[in-house]
Structure formats: C-alpha cells, structure tokens
C-alpha cells in the first residue's frame, strides 16, 4: 500500500513538473512573439515618421514655390492652414 502511495505521489510530482515546464515554454514563446511584434511595430513607426518628415519638406517646398511664383499669397496660405486646423479640431 505504501509503495502505491509513493508511486502515485512521485507521478503527481512529475506531472506538476511537466505542467510547469509547459507553462514556462508557452510564456517564453509569448514573450518572443510579443518581442517580434514590438520590433515590427517599431520599424513601421520609424518608417512612418521618416515618410512624414519627407512629406513635410515637400509640402514646405511646394508652398514656397507657389508663393514665389505668385500663384498664392502668404495670406491665402495662412487661410488654408487655418481652415485645415478647424477641420482637424472638429474631428
């Protein structure tokens, strides 16, 4: 009887150790996946920030050219910017 109890107790301990091991493996896998997602998001964010900076430079150059050529006045540009700000604030 005591042999059976010891065997069952050892088996229970082994099962618990296996469960802990599986949980640890799953946790590590989740961390690796999350880390990969975070890295991909960081790269995408960096690309978007760079694209935003490039677009700002292009827009600035375009506005300067339009004013230089007399297509738009500085006042008209300011009105356009104010209108865009009002639309943005309404959203």
PDB file of N, CA and C in Angstrom:
ATOM      1  N   UNK A   1       0.815  -1.183   0.000  1.00  0.00           N
ATOM      2  CA  UNK A   1       0.000   0.000   0.000  1.00  0.00           C
ATOM      3  C   UNK A   1       0.864   1.254   0.000  1.00  0.00           C
ATOM      4  N   UNK A   2       1.882   1.297   0.860  1.00  0.00           N
ATOM      5  CA  UNK A   2       2.723   2.487   0.903  1.00  0.00           C
ATOM      6  C   UNK A   2       3.511   2.643  -0.391  1.00  0.00           C
ATOM      7  N   UNK A   3       3.863   1.526  -1.039  1.00  0.00           N
ATOM      8  CA  UNK A   3       4.569   1.597  -2.321  1.00  0.00           C
ATOM      9  C   UNK A   3       3.688   2.271  -3.361  1.00  0.00           C
ATOM     10  N   UNK A   4       2.409   1.912  -3.404  1.00  0.00           N
ATOM     11  CA  UNK A   4       1.453   2.512  -4.345  1.00  0.00           C
ATOM     12  C   UNK A   4       1.299   3.998  -4.058  1.00  0.00           C
ATOM     13  N   UNK A   5       1.226   4.366  -2.789  1.00  0.00           N
ATOM     14  CA  UNK A   5       1.105   5.767  -2.411  1.00  0.00           C
ATOM     15  C   UNK A   5       2.334   6.559  -2.866  1.00  0.00           C
ATOM     16  N   UNK A   6       3.514   6.002  -2.655  1.00  0.00           N
ATOM     17  CA  UNK A   6       4.769   6.658  -3.058  1.00  0.00           C
ATOM     18  C   UNK A   6       4.816   6.797  -4.576  1.00  0.00           C
ATOM     19  N   UNK A   7       4.435   5.755  -5.289  1.00  0.00           N
ATOM     20  CA  UNK A   7       4.435   5.793  -6.751  1.00  0.00           C
ATOM     21  C   UNK A   7       3.480   6.868  -7.253  1.00  0.00           C
ATOM     22  N   UNK A   8       2.281   6.933  -6.659  1.00  0.00           N
ATOM     23  CA  UNK A   8       1.300   7.938  -7.075  1.00  0.00           C
ATOM     24  C   UNK A   8       1.800   9.345  -6.744  1.00  0.00           C
ATOM     25  N   UNK A   9       2.430   9.485  -5.607  1.00  0.00           N
ATOM     26  CA  UNK A   9       2.963  10.776  -5.199  1.00  0.00           C
ATOM     27  C   UNK A   9       4.061  11.225  -6.156  1.00  0.00           C
ATOM     28  N   UNK A  10       4.948  10.310  -6.543  1.00  0.00           N
ATOM     29  CA  UNK A  10       6.014  10.626  -7.486  1.00  0.00           C
ATOM     30  C   UNK A  10       5.437  10.987  -8.858  1.00  0.00           C
ATOM     31  N   UNK A  11       4.422  10.242  -9.267  1.00  0.00           N
ATOM     32  CA  UNK A  11       3.789  10.514 -10.547  1.00  0.00           C
ATOM     33  C   UNK A  11       3.143  11.905 -10.530  1.00  0.00           C
ATOM     34  N   UNK A  12       2.491  12.254  -9.437  1.00  0.00           N
ATOM     35  CA  UNK A  12       1.862  13.573  -9.294  1.00  0.00           C
ATOM     36  C   UNK A  12       2.921  14.673  -9.381  1.00  0.00           C
ATOM     37  N   UNK A  13       4.058  14.459  -8.723  1.00  0.00           N
ATOM     38  CA  UNK A  13       5.150  15.441  -8.764  1.00  0.00           C
ATOM     39  C   UNK A  13       5.686  15.600 -10.188  1.00  0.00           C
ATOM     40  N   UNK A  14       5.814  14.478 -10.888  1.00  0.00           N
ATOM     41  CA  UNK A  14       6.300  14.536 -12.265  1.00  0.00           C
ATOM     42  C   UNK A  14       5.319  15.290 -13.168  1.00  0.00           C
ATOM     43  N   UNK A  15       4.030  15.032 -12.960  1.00  0.00           N
ATOM     44  CA  UNK A  15       3.019  15.734 -13.754  1.00  0.00           C
ATOM     45  C   UNK A  15       3.050  17.240 -13.484  1.00  0.00           C
ATOM     46  N   UNK A  16       3.191  17.615 -12.234  1.00  0.00           N
ATOM     47  CA  UNK A  16       3.283  19.029 -11.885  1.00  0.00           C
ATOM     48  C   UNK A  16       4.517  19.661 -12.516  1.00  0.00           C
ATOM     49  N   UNK A  17       5.634  18.956 -12.488  1.00  0.00           N
ATOM     50  CA  UNK A  17       6.870  19.470 -13.089  1.00  0.00           C
ATOM     51  C   UNK A  17       6.693  19.642 -14.596  1.00  0.00           C
ATOM     52  N   UNK A  18       6.013  18.681 -15.239  1.00  0.00           N
ATOM     53  CA  UNK A  18       5.758  18.794 -16.674  1.00  0.00           C
ATOM     54  C   UNK A  18       4.841  19.977 -16.983  1.00  0.00           C
ATOM     55  N   UNK A  19       3.815  20.170 -16.156  1.00  0.00           N
ATOM     56  CA  UNK A  19       2.911  21.309 -16.348  1.00  0.00           C
ATOM     57  C   UNK A  19       3.672  22.625 -16.228  1.00  0.00           C
ATOM     58  N   UNK A  20       4.520  22.733 -15.205  1.00  0.00           N
ATOM     59  CA  UNK A  20       5.310  23.949 -15.020  1.00  0.00           C
ATOM     60  C   UNK A  20       6.220  24.183 -16.218  1.00  0.00           C
ATOM     61  N   UNK A  21       6.822  23.108 -16.696  1.00  0.00           N
ATOM     62  CA  UNK A  21       7.713  23.212 -17.844  1.00  0.00           C
ATOM     63  C   UNK A  21       6.960  23.701 -19.083  1.00  0.00           C
ATOM     64  N   UNK A  22       5.766  23.140 -19.322  1.00  0.00           N
ATOM     65  CA  UNK A  22       4.957  23.569 -20.476  1.00  0.00           C
ATOM     66  C   UNK A  22       4.541  25.029 -20.343  1.00  0.00           C
ATOM     67  N   UNK A  23       4.157  25.425 -19.124  1.00  0.00           N
ATOM     68  CA  UNK A  23       3.773  26.835 -18.900  1.00  0.00           C
ATOM     69  C   UNK A  23       4.954  27.761 -19.165  1.00  0.00           C
ATOM     70  N   UNK A  24       6.134  27.368 -18.704  1.00  0.00           N
ATOM     71  CA  UNK A  24       7.338  28.169 -18.913  1.00  0.00           C
ATOM     72  C   UNK A  24       7.648  28.287 -20.403  1.00  0.00           C
ATOM     73  N   UNK A  25       7.513  27.193 -21.138  1.00  0.00           N
ATOM     74  CA  UNK A  25       7.751  27.208 -22.586  1.00  0.00           C
ATOM     75  C   UNK A  25       6.744  28.117 -23.280  1.00  0.00           C
ATOM     76  N   UNK A  26       5.459  27.999 -22.909  1.00  0.00           N
ATOM     77  CA  UNK A  26       4.427  28.859 -23.509  1.00  0.00           C
ATOM     78  C   UNK A  26       4.697  30.328 -23.206  1.00  0.00           C
ATOM     79  N   UNK A  27       5.096  30.628 -21.982  1.00  0.00           N
ATOM     80  CA  UNK A  27       5.393  32.002 -21.585  1.00  0.00           C
ATOM     81  C   UNK A  27       6.554  32.554 -22.416  1.00  0.00           C
ATOM     82  N   UNK A  28       7.609  31.760 -22.569  1.00  0.00           N
ATOM     83  CA  UNK A  28       8.759  32.190 -23.371  1.00  0.00           C
ATOM     84  C   UNK A  28       8.347  32.423 -24.826  1.00  0.00           C
ATOM     85  N   UNK A  29       7.511  31.550 -25.346  1.00  0.00           N
ATOM     86  CA  UNK A  29       7.037  31.682 -26.728  1.00  0.00           C
ATOM     87  C   UNK A  29       6.235  32.976 -26.893  1.00  0.00           C
ATOM     88  N   UNK A  30       5.351  33.265 -25.926  1.00  0.00           N
ATOM     89  CA  UNK A  30       4.550  34.507 -25.980  1.00  0.00           C
ATOM     90  C   UNK A  30       5.461  35.727 -25.940  1.00  0.00           C
ATOM     91  N   UNK A  31       6.480  35.683 -25.089  1.00  0.00           N
ATOM     92  CA  UNK A  31       7.413  36.809 -24.977  1.00  0.00           C
ATOM     93  C   UNK A  31       8.155  37.009 -26.300  1.00  0.00           C
ATOM     94  N   UNK A  32       8.608  35.902 -26.901  1.00  0.00           N
ATOM     95  CA  UNK A  32       9.310  36.015 -28.191  1.00  0.00           C
ATOM     96  C   UNK A  32       8.395  36.594 -29.254  1.00  0.00           C
ATOM     97  N   UNK A  33       7.143  36.114 -29.319  1.00  0.00           N
ATOM     98  CA  UNK A  33       6.199  36.617 -30.310  1.00  0.00           C
ATOM     99  C   UNK A  33       5.905  38.091 -30.065  1.00  0.00           C
ATOM    100  N   UNK A  34       5.702  38.462 -28.813  1.00  0.00           N
ATOM    101  CA  UNK A  34       5.425  39.858 -28.488  1.00  0.00           C
ATOM    102  C   UNK A  34       6.616  40.712 -28.858  1.00  0.00           C
ATOM    103  N   UNK A  35       7.802  40.231 -28.570  1.00  0.00           N
ATOM    104  CA  UNK A  35       9.014  40.971 -28.896  1.00  0.00           C
ATOM    105  C   UNK A  35       9.114  41.181 -30.404  1.00  0.00           C
ATOM    106  N   UNK A  36       8.793  40.152 -31.177  1.00  0.00           N
ATOM    107  CA  UNK A  36       8.850  40.261 -32.632  1.00  0.00           C
ATOM    108  C   UNK A  36       7.822  41.283 -33.125  1.00  0.00           C
ATOM    109  N   UNK A  37       6.620  41.244 -32.568  1.00  0.00           N
ATOM    110  CA  UNK A  37       5.577  42.204 -32.943  1.00  0.00           C
ATOM    111  C   UNK A  37       6.023  43.615 -32.583  1.00  0.00           C
ATOM    112  N   UNK A  38       6.590  43.788 -31.383  1.00  0.00           N
ATOM    113  CA  UNK A  38       7.069  45.102 -30.964  1.00  0.00           C
ATOM    114  C   UNK A  38       8.142  45.621 -31.914  1.00  0.00           C
ATOM    115  N   UNK A  39       9.059  44.758 -32.318  1.00  0.00           N
ATOM    116  CA  UNK A  39      10.119  45.165 -33.232  1.00  0.00           C
ATOM    117  C   UNK A  39       9.544  45.574 -34.583  1.00  0.00           C
ATOM    118  N   UNK A  40       8.573  44.806 -35.083  1.00  0.00           N
ATOM    119  CA  UNK A  40       7.947  45.142 -36.358  1.00  0.00           C
ATOM    120  C   UNK A  40       7.203  46.471 -36.258  1.00  0.00           C
ATOM    121  N   UNK A  41       6.518  46.697 -35.141  1.00  0.00           N
ATOM    122  CA  UNK A  41       5.797  47.956 -34.949  1.00  0.00           C
ATOM    123  C   UNK A  41       6.775  49.125 -34.840  1.00  0.00           C
ATOM    124  N   UNK A  42       7.889  48.919 -34.162  1.00  0.00           N
ATOM    125  CA  UNK A  42       8.893  49.980 -34.049  1.00  0.00           C
ATOM    126  C   UNK A  42       9.445  50.349 -35.419  1.00  0.00           C
ATOM    127  N   UNK A  43       9.722  49.336 -36.252  1.00  0.00           N
ATOM    128  CA  UNK A  43      10.224  49.603 -37.602  1.00  0.00           C
ATOM    129  C   UNK A  43       9.191  50.353 -38.429  1.00  0.00           C
ATOM    130  N   UNK A  44       7.943  49.929 -38.349  1.00  0.00           N
ATOM    131  CA  UNK A  44       6.879  50.592 -39.097  1.00  0.00           C
ATOM    132  C   UNK A  44       6.715  52.034 -38.623  1.00  0.00           C
ATOM    133  N   UNK A  45       6.750  52.252 -37.323  1.00  0.00           N
ATOM    134  CA  UNK A  45       6.633  53.595 -36.778  1.00  0.00           C
ATOM    135  C   UNK A  45       7.779  54.483 -37.268  1.00  0.00           C
ATOM    136  N   UNK A  46       8.975  53.936 -37.270  1.00  0.00           N
ATOM    137  CA  UNK A  46      10.141  54.684 -37.742  1.00  0.00           C
ATOM    138  C   UNK A  46       9.984  55.056 -39.219  1.00  0.00           C
ATOM    139  N   UNK A  47       9.512  54.109 -40.037  1.00  0.00           N
ATOM    140  CA  UNK A  47       9.289  54.384 -41.457  1.00  0.00           C
ATOM    141  C   UNK A  47       8.234  55.470 -41.647  1.00  0.00           C
ATOM    142  N   UNK A  48       7.154  55.401 -40.870  1.00  0.00           N
ATOM    143  CA  UNK A  48       6.082  56.396 -40.972  1.00  0.00           C
ATOM    144  C   UNK A  48       6.571  57.783 -40.549  1.00  0.00           C
ATOM    145  N   UNK A  49       7.395  57.826 -39.506  1.00  0.00           N
ATOM    146  CA  UNK A  49       7.937  59.112 -39.070  1.00  0.00           C
ATOM    147  C   UNK A  49       8.831  59.714 -40.153  1.00  0.00           C
ATOM    148  N   UNK A  50       9.651  58.882 -40.772  1.00  0.00           N
ATOM    149  CA  UNK A  50      10.529  59.372 -41.832  1.00  0.00           C
ATOM    150  C   UNK A  50       9.701  59.859 -43.024  1.00  0.00           C
ATOM    151  N   UNK A  51       8.688  59.097 -43.402  1.00  0.00           N
ATOM    152  CA  UNK A  51       7.827  59.496 -44.515  1.00  0.00           C
ATOM    153  C   UNK A  51       7.118  60.812 -44.186  1.00  0.00           C
ATOM    154  N   UNK A  52       6.675  60.966 -42.948  1.00  0.00           N
ATOM    155  CA  UNK A  52       6.014  62.198 -42.520  1.00  0.00           C
ATOM    156  C   UNK A  52       6.973  63.387 -42.666  1.00  0.00           C
ATOM    157  N   UNK A  53       8.208  63.228 -42.231  1.00  0.00           N
ATOM    158  CA  UNK A  53       9.204  64.302 -42.351  1.00  0.00           C
ATOM    159  C   UNK A  53       9.441  64.669 -43.816  1.00  0.00           C
ATOM    160  N   UNK A  54       9.553  63.652 -44.685  1.00  0.00           N
ATOM    161  CA  UNK A  54       9.757  63.898 -46.112  1.00  0.00           C
ATOM    162  C   UNK A  54       8.575  64.649 -46.717  1.00  0.00           C
ATOM    163  N   UNK A  55       7.365  64.250 -46.327  1.00  0.00           N
ATOM    164  CA  UNK A  55       6.164  64.918 -46.834  1.00  0.00           C
ATOM    165  C   UNK A  55       6.096  66.372 -46.351  1.00  0.00           C
ATOM    166  N   UNK A  56       6.502  66.613 -45.111  1.00  0.00           N
ATOM    167  CA  UNK A  56       6.521  67.984 -44.600  1.00  0.00           C
ATOM    168  C   UNK A  56       7.489  68.844 -45.399  1.00  0.00           C
ATOM    169  N   UNK A  57       8.669  68.287 -45.716  1.00  0.00           N
ATOM    170  CA  UNK A  57       9.645  69.031 -46.517  1.00  0.00           C
ATOM    171  C   UNK A  57       9.097  69.315 -47.915  1.00  0.00           C
ATOM    172  N   UNK A  58       8.464  68.321 -48.524  1.00  0.00           N
ATOM    173  CA  UNK A  58       7.881  68.505 -49.859  1.00  0.00           C
ATOM    174  C   UNK A  58       6.789  69.568 -49.832  1.00  0.00           C
ATOM    175  N   UNK A  59       5.938  69.506 -48.839  1.00  0.00           N
ATOM    176  CA  UNK A  59       4.853  70.479 -48.726  1.00  0.00           C
ATOM    177  C   UNK A  59       5.411  71.881 -48.530  1.00  0.00           C
ATOM    178  N   UNK A  60       6.421  72.006 -47.667  1.00  0.00           N
ATOM    179  CA  UNK A  60       7.051  73.308 -47.448  1.00  0.00           C
ATOM    180  C   UNK A  60       7.643  73.864 -48.731  1.00  0.00           C
ATOM    181  N   UNK A  61       8.332  73.020 -49.497  1.00  0.00           N
ATOM    182  CA  UNK A  61       8.910  73.454 -50.772  1.00  0.00           C
ATOM    183  C   UNK A  61       7.828  73.856 -51.762  1.00  0.00           C
ATOM    184  N   UNK A  62       6.767  73.088 -51.809  1.00  0.00           N
ATOM    185  CA  UNK A  62       5.655  73.386 -52.713  1.00  0.00           C
ATOM    186  C   UNK A  62       5.023  74.731 -52.373  1.00  0.00           C
ATOM    187  N   UNK A  63       4.789  74.967 -51.088  1.00  0.00           N
ATOM    188  CA  UNK A  63       4.188  76.232 -50.653  1.00  0.00           C
ATOM    189  C   UNK A  63       5.109  77.400 -51.007  1.00  0.00           C
ATOM    190  N   UNK A  64       6.407  77.258 -50.741  1.00  0.00           N
ATOM    191  CA  UNK A  64       7.356  78.325 -51.083  1.00  0.00           C
ATOM    192  C   UNK A  64       7.348  78.608 -52.581  1.00  0.00           C
ATOM    193  N   UNK A  65       7.301  77.574 -53.393  1.00  0.00           N
ATOM    194  CA  UNK A  65       7.282  77.741 -54.844  1.00  0.00           C
ATOM    195  C   UNK A  65       6.004  78.442 -55.289  1.00  0.00           C
ATOM    196  N   UNK A  66       4.870  78.048 -54.725  1.00  0.00           N
ATOM    197  CA  UNK A  66       3.600  78.675 -55.086  1.00  0.00           C
ATOM    198  C   UNK A  66       3.589  80.167 -54.728  1.00  0.00           C
ATOM    199  N   UNK A  67       4.157  80.491 -53.573  1.00  0.00           N
ATOM    200  CA  UNK A  67       4.212  81.902 -53.166  1.00  0.00           C
ATOM    201  C   UNK A  67       5.186  82.661 -54.064  1.00  0.00           C
ATOM    202  N   UNK A  68       6.358  82.072 -54.336  1.00  0.00           N
ATOM    203  CA  UNK A  68       7.365  82.715 -55.192  1.00  0.00           C
ATOM    204  C   UNK A  68       6.818  83.023 -56.580  1.00  0.00           C
ATOM    205  N   UNK A  69       6.070  82.097 -57.136  1.00  0.00           N
ATOM    206  CA  UNK A  69       5.534  82.249 -58.486  1.00  0.00           C
ATOM    207  C   UNK A  69       4.270  83.111 -58.509  1.00  0.00           C
ATOM    208  N   UNK A  70       3.797  83.500 -57.349  1.00  0.00           N
ATOM    209  CA  UNK A  70       2.632  84.355 -57.278  1.00  0.00           C
ATOM    210  C   UNK A  70       1.313  83.623 -57.471  1.00  0.00           C
ATOM    211  N   UNK A  71       1.339  82.310 -57.367  1.00  0.00           N
ATOM    212  CA  UNK A  71       0.109  81.526 -57.512  1.00  0.00           C
ATOM    213  C   UNK A  71      -0.777  81.736 -56.295  1.00  0.00           C
ATOM    214  N   UNK A  72      -0.159  81.769 -55.124  1.00  0.00           N
ATOM    215  CA  UNK A  72      -0.871  82.031 -53.867  1.00  0.00           C
ATOM    216  C   UNK A  72      -0.092  83.067 -53.072  1.00  0.00           C
ATOM    217  N   UNK A  73      -0.819  83.841 -52.281  1.00  0.00           N
ATOM    218  CA  UNK A  73      -0.157  84.788 -51.381  1.00  0.00           C
ATOM    219  C   UNK A  73       0.064  84.115 -50.031  1.00  0.00           C
ATOM    220  N   UNK A  74       0.904  84.729 -49.215  1.00  0.00           N
ATOM    221  CA  UNK A  74       1.130  84.189 -47.871  1.00  0.00           C
ATOM    222  C   UNK A  74      -0.171  84.204 -47.069  1.00  0.00           C
ATOM    223  N   UNK A  75      -0.993  85.229 -47.280  1.00  0.00           N
ATOM    224  CA  UNK A  75      -2.284  85.310 -46.601  1.00  0.00           C
ATOM    225  C   UNK A  75      -3.193  84.151 -46.977  1.00  0.00           C
ATOM    226  N   UNK A  76      -3.195  83.812 -48.264  1.00  0.00           N
ATOM    227  CA  UNK A  76      -4.025  82.684 -48.712  1.00  0.00           C
ATOM    228  C   UNK A  76      -3.525  81.364 -48.107  1.00  0.00           C
ATOM    229  N   UNK A  77      -2.223  81.232 -48.027  1.00  0.00           N
ATOM    230  CA  UNK A  77      -1.644  80.027 -47.408  1.00  0.00           C
ATOM    231  C   UNK A  77      -2.085  79.955 -45.943  1.00  0.00           C
ATOM    232  N   UNK A  78      -2.020  81.080 -45.234  1.00  0.00           N
ATOM    233  CA  UNK A  78      -2.440  81.102 -43.831  1.00  0.00           C
ATOM    234  C   UNK A  78      -3.914  80.721 -43.696  1.00  0.00           C
ATOM    235  N   UNK A  79      -4.753  81.198 -44.621  1.00  0.00           N
ATOM    236  CA  UNK A  79      -6.178  80.847 -44.586  1.00  0.00           C
ATOM    237  C   UNK A  79      -6.371  79.338 -44.781  1.00  0.00           C
ATOM    238  N   UNK A  80      -5.615  78.769 -45.701  1.00  0.00           N
ATOM    239  CA  UNK A  80      -5.702  77.323 -45.955  1.00  0.00           C
ATOM    240  C   UNK A  80      -5.311  76.549 -44.688  1.00  0.00           C
ATOM    241  N   UNK A  81      -4.235  76.998 -44.048  1.00  0.00           N
ATOM    242  CA  UNK A  81      -3.765  76.327 -42.832  1.00  0.00           C
ATOM    243  C   UNK A  81      -4.800  76.450 -41.718  1.00  0.00           C
ATOM    244  N   UNK A  82      -5.377  77.630 -41.564  1.00  0.00           N
ATOM    245  CA  UNK A  82      -6.421  77.832 -40.540  1.00  0.00           C
ATOM    246  C   UNK A  82      -7.633  76.940 -40.801  1.00  0.00           C
ATOM    247  N   UNK A  83      -8.054  76.860 -42.074  1.00  0.00           N
ATOM    248  CA  UNK A  83      -9.202  76.006 -42.425  1.00  0.00           C
ATOM    249  C   UNK A  83      -8.917  74.552 -42.108  1.00  0.00           C
ATOM    250  N   UNK A  84      -7.704  74.116 -42.429  1.00  0.00           N
ATOM    251  CA  UNK A  84      -7.327  72.724 -42.148  1.00  0.00           C
ATOM    252  C   UNK A  84      -7.302  72.467 -40.647  1.00  0.00           C
ATOM    253  N   UNK A  85      -6.842  73.450 -39.863  1.00  0.00           N
ATOM    254  CA  UNK A  85      -6.812  73.310 -38.412  1.00  0.00           C
ATOM    255  C   UNK A  85      -8.218  73.226 -37.838  1.00  0.00           C
ATOM    256  N   UNK A  86      -9.136  74.024 -38.408  1.00  0.00           N
ATOM    257  CA  UNK A  86     -10.529  73.997 -37.923  1.00  0.00           C
ATOM    258  C   UNK A  86     -11.166  72.629 -38.214  1.00  0.00           C
ATOM    259  N   UNK A  87     -10.919  72.097 -39.400  1.00  0.00           N
ATOM    260  CA  UNK A  87     -11.457  70.777 -39.749  1.00  0.00           C
ATOM    261  C   UNK A  87     -10.882  69.715 -38.820  1.00  0.00           C
ATOM    262  N   UNK A  88      -9.584  69.818 -38.537  1.00  0.00           N
ATOM    263  CA  UNK A  88      -8.927  68.844 -37.653  1.00  0.00           C
ATOM    264  C   UNK A  88      -9.508  68.923 -36.243  1.00  0.00           C
ATOM    265  N   UNK A  89      -9.780  70.138 -35.774  1.00  0.00           N
ATOM    266  CA  UNK A  89     -10.325  70.306 -34.418  1.00  0.00           C
ATOM    267  C   UNK A  89     -11.770  69.802 -34.329  1.00  0.00           C
ATOM    268  N   UNK A  90     -12.505  69.859 -35.421  1.00  0.00           N
ATOM    269  CA  UNK A  90     -13.902  69.377 -35.440  1.00  0.00           C
ATOM    270  C   UNK A  90     -13.964  67.858 -35.341  1.00  0.00           C
ATOM    271  N   UNK A  91     -12.924  67.185 -35.754  1.00  0.00           N
ATOM    272  CA  UNK A  91     -12.946  65.706 -35.772  1.00  0.00           C
ATOM    273  C   UNK A  91     -12.710  65.152 -34.452  1.00  0.00           C
TER     274      UNK A  91
END
